[in-house]
C-alpha cells in the first residue's frame, strides 16, 4: 500500500511516482499472486491540485501494466469532486 503524502502539487509528482514505483517493485519482489491488489491511501492528503489526479491515474496505469489490481481509498472529498468535474471519477476504483 502507498500512503500519499499530505501535499501533492505539480512539484511533488516525480517524488510520489517514485514512491509508487518502489511500492510496485517491493510487491513484485515479495511474490504472491500476480493479481494482488495495490492500494493507494489518501487519508493524509491535505493540499493538492489536479496533479494529484494525474498521479493516481499514472499509478493505476503502472500497476495494471504489471498485472496488478489497483484501488484507492480515503481520498479527500474535494479530490473526489475534482475527479468528477474532470470526468475521471469512474476510472478510480475505491477500495
PDB file of N, CA and C in Angstrom:
ATOM      1  N   UNK A   1       0.847  -1.181   0.000  1.00  0.00           N
ATOM      2  CA  UNK A   1       0.000   0.000   0.000  1.00  0.00           C
ATOM      3  C   UNK A   1       0.891   1.241   0.000  1.00  0.00           C
ATOM      4  N   UNK A   2       0.426   2.250  -0.710  1.00  0.00           N
ATOM      5  CA  UNK A   2       1.127   3.528  -0.746  1.00  0.00           C
ATOM      6  C   UNK A   2       0.276   4.570  -0.036  1.00  0.00           C
ATOM      7  N   UNK A   3       0.836   5.153   1.006  1.00  0.00           N
ATOM      8  CA  UNK A   3       0.176   6.246   1.714  1.00  0.00           C
ATOM      9  C   UNK A   3       0.625   7.541   1.057  1.00  0.00           C
ATOM     10  N   UNK A   4      -0.325   8.262   0.477  1.00  0.00           N
ATOM     11  CA  UNK A   4       0.015   9.516  -0.187  1.00  0.00           C
ATOM     12  C   UNK A   4       0.500  10.539   0.835  1.00  0.00           C
ATOM     13  N   UNK A   5       1.419  11.413   0.421  1.00  0.00           N
ATOM     14  CA  UNK A   5       1.877  12.476   1.328  1.00  0.00           C
ATOM     15  C   UNK A   5       0.770  13.508   1.534  1.00  0.00           C
ATOM     16  N   UNK A   6       1.001  14.432   2.431  1.00  0.00           N
ATOM     17  CA  UNK A   6      -0.019  15.442   2.726  1.00  0.00           C
ATOM     18  C   UNK A   6      -0.162  16.476   1.614  1.00  0.00           C
ATOM     19  N   UNK A   7       0.863  16.622   0.774  1.00  0.00           N
ATOM     20  CA  UNK A   7       0.832  17.598  -0.313  1.00  0.00           C
ATOM     21  C   UNK A   7       1.179  16.912  -1.634  1.00  0.00           C
ATOM     22  N   UNK A   8       0.303  17.089  -2.625  1.00  0.00           N
ATOM     23  CA  UNK A   8       0.628  16.670  -3.996  1.00  0.00           C
ATOM     24  C   UNK A   8       0.219  17.796  -4.929  1.00  0.00           C
ATOM     25  N   UNK A   9       1.227  18.540  -5.353  1.00  0.00           N
ATOM     26  CA  UNK A   9       1.053  19.536  -6.398  1.00  0.00           C
ATOM     27  C   UNK A   9       2.044  19.167  -7.494  1.00  0.00           C
ATOM     28  N   UNK A  10       2.095  19.967  -8.521  1.00  0.00           N
ATOM     29  CA  UNK A  10       2.966  19.660  -9.668  1.00  0.00           C
ATOM     30  C   UNK A  10       4.396  19.348  -9.225  1.00  0.00           C
ATOM     31  N   UNK A  11       4.905  20.056  -8.249  1.00  0.00           N
ATOM     32  CA  UNK A  11       6.297  19.879  -7.803  1.00  0.00           C
ATOM     33  C   UNK A  11       6.547  18.512  -7.169  1.00  0.00           C
ATOM     34  N   UNK A  12       5.536  17.909  -6.559  1.00  0.00           N
ATOM     35  CA  UNK A  12       5.716  16.634  -5.862  1.00  0.00           C
ATOM     36  C   UNK A  12       5.497  15.406  -6.731  1.00  0.00           C
ATOM     37  N   UNK A  13       5.015  15.590  -7.946  1.00  0.00           N
ATOM     38  CA  UNK A  13       4.678  14.451  -8.811  1.00  0.00           C
ATOM     39  C   UNK A  13       5.835  13.463  -8.979  1.00  0.00           C
ATOM     40  N   UNK A  14       7.042  13.893  -9.346  1.00  0.00           N
ATOM     41  CA  UNK A  14       8.119  12.900  -9.528  1.00  0.00           C
ATOM     42  C   UNK A  14       8.397  12.079  -8.262  1.00  0.00           C
ATOM     43  N   UNK A  15       8.354  12.733  -7.113  1.00  0.00           N
ATOM     44  CA  UNK A  15       8.613  12.027  -5.853  1.00  0.00           C
ATOM     45  C   UNK A  15       7.537  10.978  -5.579  1.00  0.00           C
ATOM     46  N   UNK A  16       6.283  11.341  -5.737  1.00  0.00           N
ATOM     47  CA  UNK A  16       5.194  10.404  -5.452  1.00  0.00           C
ATOM     48  C   UNK A  16       5.218   9.236  -6.436  1.00  0.00           C
ATOM     49  N   UNK A  17       5.483   9.508  -7.707  1.00  0.00           N
ATOM     50  CA  UNK A  17       5.566   8.413  -8.676  1.00  0.00           C
ATOM     51  C   UNK A  17       6.745   7.495  -8.365  1.00  0.00           C
ATOM     52  N   UNK A  18       7.832   8.070  -7.883  1.00  0.00           N
ATOM     53  CA  UNK A  18       8.974   7.260  -7.474  1.00  0.00           C
ATOM     54  C   UNK A  18       8.602   6.346  -6.305  1.00  0.00           C
ATOM     55  N   UNK A  19       7.859   6.871  -5.343  1.00  0.00           N
ATOM     56  CA  UNK A  19       7.405   6.061  -4.212  1.00  0.00           C
ATOM     57  C   UNK A  19       6.529   4.910  -4.688  1.00  0.00           C
ATOM     58  N   UNK A  20       5.651   5.197  -5.639  1.00  0.00           N
ATOM     59  CA  UNK A  20       4.770   4.141  -6.133  1.00  0.00           C
ATOM     60  C   UNK A  20       5.569   3.091  -6.896  1.00  0.00           C
ATOM     61  N   UNK A  21       6.561   3.517  -7.666  1.00  0.00           N
ATOM     62  CA  UNK A  21       7.407   2.567  -8.388  1.00  0.00           C
ATOM     63  C   UNK A  21       8.115   1.646  -7.400  1.00  0.00           C
ATOM     64  N   UNK A  22       8.598   2.200  -6.293  1.00  0.00           N
ATOM     65  CA  UNK A  22       9.241   1.395  -5.254  1.00  0.00           C
ATOM     66  C   UNK A  22       8.248   0.411  -4.646  1.00  0.00           C
ATOM     67  N   UNK A  23       7.038   0.874  -4.375  1.00  0.00           N
ATOM     68  CA  UNK A  23       5.996   0.018  -3.810  1.00  0.00           C
ATOM     69  C   UNK A  23       5.686  -1.125  -4.764  1.00  0.00           C
ATOM     70  N   UNK A  24       5.586  -0.816  -6.043  1.00  0.00           N
ATOM     71  CA  UNK A  24       5.309  -1.822  -7.066  1.00  0.00           C
ATOM     72  C   UNK A  24       6.444  -2.836  -7.145  1.00  0.00           C
ATOM     73  N   UNK A  25       7.681  -2.372  -7.075  1.00  0.00           N
ATOM     74  CA  UNK A  25       8.843  -3.261  -7.105  1.00  0.00           C
ATOM     75  C   UNK A  25       8.882  -4.165  -5.874  1.00  0.00           C
ATOM     76  N   UNK A  26       8.568  -3.599  -4.711  1.00  0.00           N
ATOM     77  CA  UNK A  26       8.558  -4.386  -3.478  1.00  0.00           C
ATOM     78  C   UNK A  26       7.476  -5.458  -3.533  1.00  0.00           C
ATOM     79  N   UNK A  27       6.326  -5.114  -4.093  1.00  0.00           N
ATOM     80  CA  UNK A  27       5.240  -6.082  -4.215  1.00  0.00           C
ATOM     81  C   UNK A  27       5.654  -7.222  -5.143  1.00  0.00           C
ATOM     82  N   UNK A  28       6.346  -6.884  -6.226  1.00  0.00           N
ATOM     83  CA  UNK A  28       6.808  -7.917  -7.164  1.00  0.00           C
ATOM     84  C   UNK A  28       7.851  -8.805  -6.501  1.00  0.00           C
ATOM     85  N   UNK A  29       8.760  -8.214  -5.727  1.00  0.00           N
ATOM     86  CA  UNK A  29       9.815  -8.980  -5.060  1.00  0.00           C
ATOM     87  C   UNK A  29       9.244  -9.902  -3.987  1.00  0.00           C
ATOM     88  N   UNK A  30       8.139  -9.481  -3.375  1.00  0.00           N
ATOM     89  CA  UNK A  30       7.526 -10.286  -2.322  1.00  0.00           C
ATOM     90  C   UNK A  30       6.812 -11.506  -2.887  1.00  0.00           C
ATOM     91  N   UNK A  31       6.582 -11.494  -4.203  1.00  0.00           N
ATOM     92  CA  UNK A  31       5.920 -12.628  -4.840  1.00  0.00           C
ATOM     93  C   UNK A  31       4.436 -12.593  -4.582  1.00  0.00           C
ATOM     94  N   UNK A  32       3.864 -13.749  -4.454  1.00  0.00           N
ATOM     95  CA  UNK A  32       2.426 -13.824  -4.217  1.00  0.00           C
ATOM     96  C   UNK A  32       1.655 -13.771  -5.510  1.00  0.00           C
ATOM     97  N   UNK A  33       0.388 -13.560  -5.390  1.00  0.00           N
ATOM     98  CA  UNK A  33      -0.492 -13.535  -6.551  1.00  0.00           C
ATOM     99  C   UNK A  33      -0.137 -12.395  -7.485  1.00  0.00           C
ATOM    100  N   UNK A  34      -0.076 -12.707  -8.757  1.00  0.00           N
ATOM    101  CA  UNK A  34       0.242 -11.686  -9.759  1.00  0.00           C
ATOM    102  C   UNK A  34      -0.836 -10.605  -9.805  1.00  0.00           C
ATOM    103  N   UNK A  35      -2.051 -10.964  -9.422  1.00  0.00           N
ATOM    104  CA  UNK A  35      -3.154 -10.002  -9.456  1.00  0.00           C
ATOM    105  C   UNK A  35      -3.402  -9.366  -8.094  1.00  0.00           C
ATOM    106  N   UNK A  36      -2.406  -9.382  -7.232  1.00  0.00           N
ATOM    107  CA  UNK A  36      -2.567  -8.800  -5.902  1.00  0.00           C
ATOM    108  C   UNK A  36      -2.983  -7.335  -6.011  1.00  0.00           C
ATOM    109  N   UNK A  37      -3.800  -6.905  -5.083  1.00  0.00           N
ATOM    110  CA  UNK A  37      -4.308  -5.540  -5.078  1.00  0.00           C
ATOM    111  C   UNK A  37      -3.258  -4.576  -4.540  1.00  0.00           C
ATOM    112  N   UNK A  38      -3.012  -3.518  -5.272  1.00  0.00           N
ATOM    113  CA  UNK A  38      -2.181  -2.414  -4.794  1.00  0.00           C
ATOM    114  C   UNK A  38      -3.112  -1.258  -4.493  1.00  0.00           C
ATOM    115  N   UNK A  39      -3.040  -0.767  -3.276  1.00  0.00           N
ATOM    116  CA  UNK A  39      -3.955   0.272  -2.819  1.00  0.00           C
ATOM    117  C   UNK A  39      -3.196   1.550  -2.516  1.00  0.00           C
ATOM    118  N   UNK A  40      -3.773   2.661  -2.925  1.00  0.00           N
ATOM    119  CA  UNK A  40      -3.252   3.982  -2.600  1.00  0.00           C
ATOM    120  C   UNK A  40      -4.201   4.595  -1.578  1.00  0.00           C
ATOM    121  N   UNK A  41      -3.650   5.030  -0.463  1.00  0.00           N
ATOM    122  CA  UNK A  41      -4.433   5.599   0.625  1.00  0.00           C
ATOM    123  C   UNK A  41      -4.218   7.114   0.655  1.00  0.00           C
ATOM    124  N   UNK A  42      -5.302   7.858   0.529  1.00  0.00           N
ATOM    125  CA  UNK A  42      -5.219   9.314   0.503  1.00  0.00           C
ATOM    126  C   UNK A  42      -5.625   9.978   1.798  1.00  0.00           C
ATOM    127  N   UNK A  43      -5.626   9.239   2.899  1.00  0.00           N
ATOM    128  CA  UNK A  43      -6.132   9.804   4.158  1.00  0.00           C
ATOM    129  C   UNK A  43      -5.280  10.951   4.707  1.00  0.00           C
ATOM    130  N   UNK A  44      -3.996  11.028   4.341  1.00  0.00           N
ATOM    131  CA  UNK A  44      -3.149  12.134   4.807  1.00  0.00           C
ATOM    132  C   UNK A  44      -3.142  13.335   3.862  1.00  0.00           C
ATOM    133  N   UNK A  45      -3.720  13.178   2.696  1.00  0.00           N
ATOM    134  CA  UNK A  45      -3.674  14.226   1.673  1.00  0.00           C
ATOM    135  C   UNK A  45      -4.492  15.443   2.102  1.00  0.00           C
ATOM    136  N   UNK A  46      -3.830  16.593   2.194  1.00  0.00           N
ATOM    137  CA  UNK A  46      -4.491  17.833   2.640  1.00  0.00           C
ATOM    138  C   UNK A  46      -4.428  18.941   1.598  1.00  0.00           C
ATOM    139  N   UNK A  47      -3.328  19.025   0.875  1.00  0.00           N
ATOM    140  CA  UNK A  47      -3.148  20.084  -0.125  1.00  0.00           C
ATOM    141  C   UNK A  47      -2.827  19.424  -1.458  1.00  0.00           C
ATOM    142  N   UNK A  48      -3.593  19.782  -2.481  1.00  0.00           N
ATOM    143  CA  UNK A  48      -3.405  19.147  -3.777  1.00  0.00           C
ATOM    144  C   UNK A  48      -3.976  20.023  -4.872  1.00  0.00           C
ATOM    145  N   UNK A  49      -3.580  19.705  -6.087  1.00  0.00           N
ATOM    146  CA  UNK A  49      -4.183  20.307  -7.268  1.00  0.00           C
ATOM    147  C   UNK A  49      -4.499  19.162  -8.230  1.00  0.00           C
ATOM    148  N   UNK A  50      -4.793  19.484  -9.462  1.00  0.00           N
ATOM    149  CA  UNK A  50      -5.156  18.440 -10.420  1.00  0.00           C
ATOM    150  C   UNK A  50      -4.020  17.458 -10.673  1.00  0.00           C
ATOM    151  N   UNK A  51      -2.807  17.803 -10.289  1.00  0.00           N
ATOM    152  CA  UNK A  51      -1.680  16.879 -10.422  1.00  0.00           C
ATOM    153  C   UNK A  51      -1.912  15.603  -9.621  1.00  0.00           C
ATOM    154  N   UNK A  52      -2.645  15.700  -8.526  1.00  0.00           N
ATOM    155  CA  UNK A  52      -2.931  14.512  -7.717  1.00  0.00           C
ATOM    156  C   UNK A  52      -3.732  13.499  -8.527  1.00  0.00           C
ATOM    157  N   UNK A  53      -4.650  13.972  -9.348  1.00  0.00           N
ATOM    158  CA  UNK A  53      -5.405  13.060 -10.204  1.00  0.00           C
ATOM    159  C   UNK A  53      -4.496  12.410 -11.240  1.00  0.00           C
ATOM    160  N   UNK A  54      -3.592  13.199 -11.807  1.00  0.00           N
ATOM    161  CA  UNK A  54      -2.644  12.657 -12.783  1.00  0.00           C
ATOM    162  C   UNK A  54      -1.781  11.575 -12.134  1.00  0.00           C
ATOM    163  N   UNK A  55      -1.373  11.804 -10.900  1.00  0.00           N
ATOM    164  CA  UNK A  55      -0.570  10.816 -10.168  1.00  0.00           C
ATOM    165  C   UNK A  55      -1.374   9.532  -9.984  1.00  0.00           C
ATOM    166  N   UNK A  56      -2.603   9.648  -9.533  1.00  0.00           N
ATOM    167  CA  UNK A  56      -3.422   8.462  -9.304  1.00  0.00           C
ATOM    168  C   UNK A  56      -3.643   7.674 -10.588  1.00  0.00           C
ATOM    169  N   UNK A  57      -3.916   8.369 -11.671  1.00  0.00           N
ATOM    170  CA  UNK A  57      -4.138   7.682 -12.938  1.00  0.00           C
ATOM    171  C   UNK A  57      -2.864   7.025 -13.452  1.00  0.00           C
ATOM    172  N   UNK A  58      -1.720   7.658 -13.253  1.00  0.00           N
ATOM    173  CA  UNK A  58      -0.450   7.059 -13.662  1.00  0.00           C
ATOM    174  C   UNK A  58      -0.114   5.856 -12.787  1.00  0.00           C
ATOM    175  N   UNK A  59      -0.373   5.936 -11.504  1.00  0.00           N
ATOM    176  CA  UNK A  59      -0.149   4.793 -10.619  1.00  0.00           C
ATOM    177  C   UNK A  59      -1.020   3.613 -11.052  1.00  0.00           C
ATOM    178  N   UNK A  60      -2.259   3.907 -11.395  1.00  0.00           N
ATOM    179  CA  UNK A  60      -3.163   2.859 -11.870  1.00  0.00           C
ATOM    180  C   UNK A  60      -2.619   2.229 -13.153  1.00  0.00           C
ATOM    181  N   UNK A  61      -2.141   3.052 -14.071  1.00  0.00           N
ATOM    182  CA  UNK A  61      -1.606   2.549 -15.330  1.00  0.00           C
ATOM    183  C   UNK A  61      -0.385   1.662 -15.075  1.00  0.00           C
ATOM    184  N   UNK A  62       0.508   2.111 -14.211  1.00  0.00           N
ATOM    185  CA  UNK A  62       1.716   1.338 -13.917  1.00  0.00           C
ATOM    186  C   UNK A  62       1.366   0.003 -13.254  1.00  0.00           C
ATOM    187  N   UNK A  63       0.419   0.015 -12.329  1.00  0.00           N
ATOM    188  CA  UNK A  63       0.022  -1.222 -11.657  1.00  0.00           C
ATOM    189  C   UNK A  63      -0.572  -2.207 -12.652  1.00  0.00           C
ATOM    190  N   UNK A  64      -1.451  -1.741 -13.489  1.00  0.00           N
ATOM    191  CA  UNK A  64      -2.082  -2.628 -14.472  1.00  0.00           C
ATOM    192  C   UNK A  64      -1.076  -3.155 -15.491  1.00  0.00           C
ATOM    193  N   UNK A  65      -0.088  -2.334 -15.826  1.00  0.00           N
ATOM    194  CA  UNK A  65       0.955  -2.785 -16.756  1.00  0.00           C
ATOM    195  C   UNK A  65       1.752  -3.942 -16.154  1.00  0.00           C
ATOM    196  N   UNK A  66       1.806  -4.007 -14.834  1.00  0.00           N
ATOM    197  CA  UNK A  66       2.499  -5.098 -14.141  1.00  0.00           C
ATOM    198  C   UNK A  66       1.541  -6.225 -13.764  1.00  0.00           C
ATOM    199  N   UNK A  67       0.305  -6.152 -14.250  1.00  0.00           N
ATOM    200  CA  UNK A  67      -0.669  -7.200 -13.974  1.00  0.00           C
ATOM    201  C   UNK A  67      -1.267  -7.152 -12.587  1.00  0.00           C
ATOM    202  N   UNK A  68      -1.204  -6.010 -11.950  1.00  0.00           N
ATOM    203  CA  UNK A  68      -1.718  -5.854 -10.591  1.00  0.00           C
ATOM    204  C   UNK A  68      -3.044  -5.098 -10.599  1.00  0.00           C
ATOM    205  N   UNK A  69      -3.927  -5.482  -9.697  1.00  0.00           N
ATOM    206  CA  UNK A  69      -5.163  -4.733  -9.495  1.00  0.00           C
ATOM    207  C   UNK A  69      -4.803  -3.461  -8.722  1.00  0.00           C
ATOM    208  N   UNK A  70      -5.637  -2.444  -8.837  1.00  0.00           N
ATOM    209  CA  UNK A  70      -5.350  -1.139  -8.244  1.00  0.00           C
ATOM    210  C   UNK A  70      -6.617  -0.569  -7.646  1.00  0.00           C
ATOM    211  N   UNK A  71      -6.484   0.041  -6.471  1.00  0.00           N
ATOM    212  CA  UNK A  71      -7.623   0.730  -5.878  1.00  0.00           C
ATOM    213  C   UNK A  71      -7.137   1.921  -5.068  1.00  0.00           C
ATOM    214  N   UNK A  72      -8.054   2.820  -4.794  1.00  0.00           N
ATOM    215  CA  UNK A  72      -7.773   3.979  -3.951  1.00  0.00           C
ATOM    216  C   UNK A  72      -8.742   3.947  -2.783  1.00  0.00           C
ATOM    217  N   UNK A  73      -8.310   4.569  -1.688  1.00  0.00           N
ATOM    218  CA  UNK A  73      -9.212   4.672  -0.540  1.00  0.00           C
ATOM    219  C   UNK A  73      -8.923   5.969   0.201  1.00  0.00           C
ATOM    220  N   UNK A  74      -9.927   6.436   0.887  1.00  0.00           N
ATOM    221  CA  UNK A  74      -9.825   7.604   1.763  1.00  0.00           C
ATOM    222  C   UNK A  74      -9.340   8.861   1.050  1.00  0.00           C
ATOM    223  N   UNK A  75      -9.828   9.066  -0.165  1.00  0.00           N
ATOM    224  CA  UNK A  75      -9.484  10.315  -0.857  1.00  0.00           C
ATOM    225  C   UNK A  75     -10.289  11.455  -0.248  1.00  0.00           C
ATOM    226  N   UNK A  76      -9.697  12.638  -0.166  1.00  0.00           N
ATOM    227  CA  UNK A  76     -10.444  13.791   0.345  1.00  0.00           C
ATOM    228  C   UNK A  76     -11.663  14.069  -0.552  1.00  0.00           C
ATOM    229  N   UNK A  77     -12.764  14.479   0.040  1.00  0.00           N
ATOM    230  CA  UNK A  77     -13.966  14.766  -0.751  1.00  0.00           C
ATOM    231  C   UNK A  77     -13.716  15.774  -1.879  1.00  0.00           C
ATOM    232  N   UNK A  78     -12.880  16.775  -1.651  1.00  0.00           N
ATOM    233  CA  UNK A  78     -12.626  17.769  -2.700  1.00  0.00           C
ATOM    234  C   UNK A  78     -11.868  17.155  -3.881  1.00  0.00           C
ATOM    235  N   UNK A  79     -11.018  16.160  -3.622  1.00  0.00           N
ATOM    236  CA  UNK A  79     -10.329  15.484  -4.718  1.00  0.00           C
ATOM    237  C   UNK A  79     -11.306  14.603  -5.492  1.00  0.00           C
ATOM    238  N   UNK A  80     -12.226  13.980  -4.778  1.00  0.00           N
ATOM    239  CA  UNK A  80     -13.265  13.191  -5.437  1.00  0.00           C
ATOM    240  C   UNK A  80     -14.141  14.086  -6.308  1.00  0.00           C
ATOM    241  N   UNK A  81     -14.464  15.263  -5.815  1.00  0.00           N
ATOM    242  CA  UNK A  81     -15.239  16.236  -6.600  1.00  0.00           C
ATOM    243  C   UNK A  81     -14.461  16.675  -7.835  1.00  0.00           C
ATOM    244  N   UNK A  82     -13.172  16.897  -7.688  1.00  0.00           N
ATOM    245  CA  UNK A  82     -12.329  17.297  -8.812  1.00  0.00           C
ATOM    246  C   UNK A  82     -12.295  16.185  -9.864  1.00  0.00           C
ATOM    247  N   UNK A  83     -12.198  14.944  -9.419  1.00  0.00           N
ATOM    248  CA  UNK A  83     -12.215  13.810 -10.348  1.00  0.00           C
ATOM    249  C   UNK A  83     -13.535  13.762 -11.105  1.00  0.00           C
ATOM    250  N   UNK A  84     -14.627  14.009 -10.410  1.00  0.00           N
ATOM    251  CA  UNK A  84     -15.941  14.034 -11.045  1.00  0.00           C
ATOM    252  C   UNK A  84     -16.016  15.174 -12.064  1.00  0.00           C
ATOM    253  N   UNK A  85     -15.506  16.347 -11.695  1.00  0.00           N
ATOM    254  CA  UNK A  85     -15.512  17.504 -12.587  1.00  0.00           C
ATOM    255  C   UNK A  85     -14.753  17.204 -13.880  1.00  0.00           C
ATOM    256  N   UNK A  86     -13.602  16.526 -13.755  1.00  0.00           N
ATOM    257  CA  UNK A  86     -12.786  16.192 -14.927  1.00  0.00           C
ATOM    258  C   UNK A  86     -13.267  14.935 -15.653  1.00  0.00           C
ATOM    259  N   UNK A  87     -14.253  14.253 -15.082  1.00  0.00           N
ATOM    260  CA  UNK A  87     -14.811  13.069 -15.734  1.00  0.00           C
ATOM    261  C   UNK A  87     -13.956  11.821 -15.603  1.00  0.00           C
ATOM    262  N   UNK A  88     -13.088  11.770 -14.578  1.00  0.00           N
ATOM    263  CA  UNK A  88     -12.231  10.603 -14.387  1.00  0.00           C
ATOM    264  C   UNK A  88     -12.588   9.819 -13.132  1.00  0.00           C
ATOM    265  N   UNK A  89     -13.671  10.201 -12.458  1.00  0.00           N
ATOM    266  CA  UNK A  89     -14.045   9.529 -11.222  1.00  0.00           C
ATOM    267  C   UNK A  89     -14.335   8.050 -11.446  1.00  0.00           C
ATOM    268  N   UNK A  90     -14.863   7.698 -12.593  1.00  0.00           N
ATOM    269  CA  UNK A  90     -15.148   6.290 -12.898  1.00  0.00           C
ATOM    270  C   UNK A  90     -13.901   5.466 -13.128  1.00  0.00           C
ATOM    271  N   UNK A  91     -12.787   6.110 -13.399  1.00  0.00           N
ATOM    272  CA  UNK A  91     -11.536   5.392 -13.634  1.00  0.00           C
ATOM    273  C   UNK A  91     -10.831   5.010 -12.342  1.00  0.00           C
ATOM    274  N   UNK A  92     -11.160   5.695 -11.266  1.00  0.00           N
ATOM    275  CA  UNK A  92     -10.515   5.433  -9.983  1.00  0.00           C
ATOM    276  C   UNK A  92     -11.422   4.551  -9.131  1.00  0.00           C
ATOM    277  N   UNK A  93     -10.999   3.322  -8.916  1.00  0.00           N
ATOM    278  CA  UNK A  93     -11.802   2.375  -8.145  1.00  0.00           C
ATOM    279  C   UNK A  93     -11.508   2.547  -6.667  1.00  0.00           C
ATOM    280  N   UNK A  94     -12.551   2.665  -5.875  1.00  0.00           N
ATOM    281  CA  UNK A  94     -12.382   2.793  -4.432  1.00  0.00           C
ATOM    282  C   UNK A  94     -12.325   1.424  -3.788  1.00  0.00           C
ATOM    283  N   UNK A  95     -11.488   1.312  -2.765  1.00  0.00           N
ATOM    284  CA  UNK A  95     -11.398   0.055  -2.018  1.00  0.00           C
ATOM    285  C   UNK A  95     -12.482   0.014  -0.972  1.00  0.00           C
TER     286      UNK A  95
END
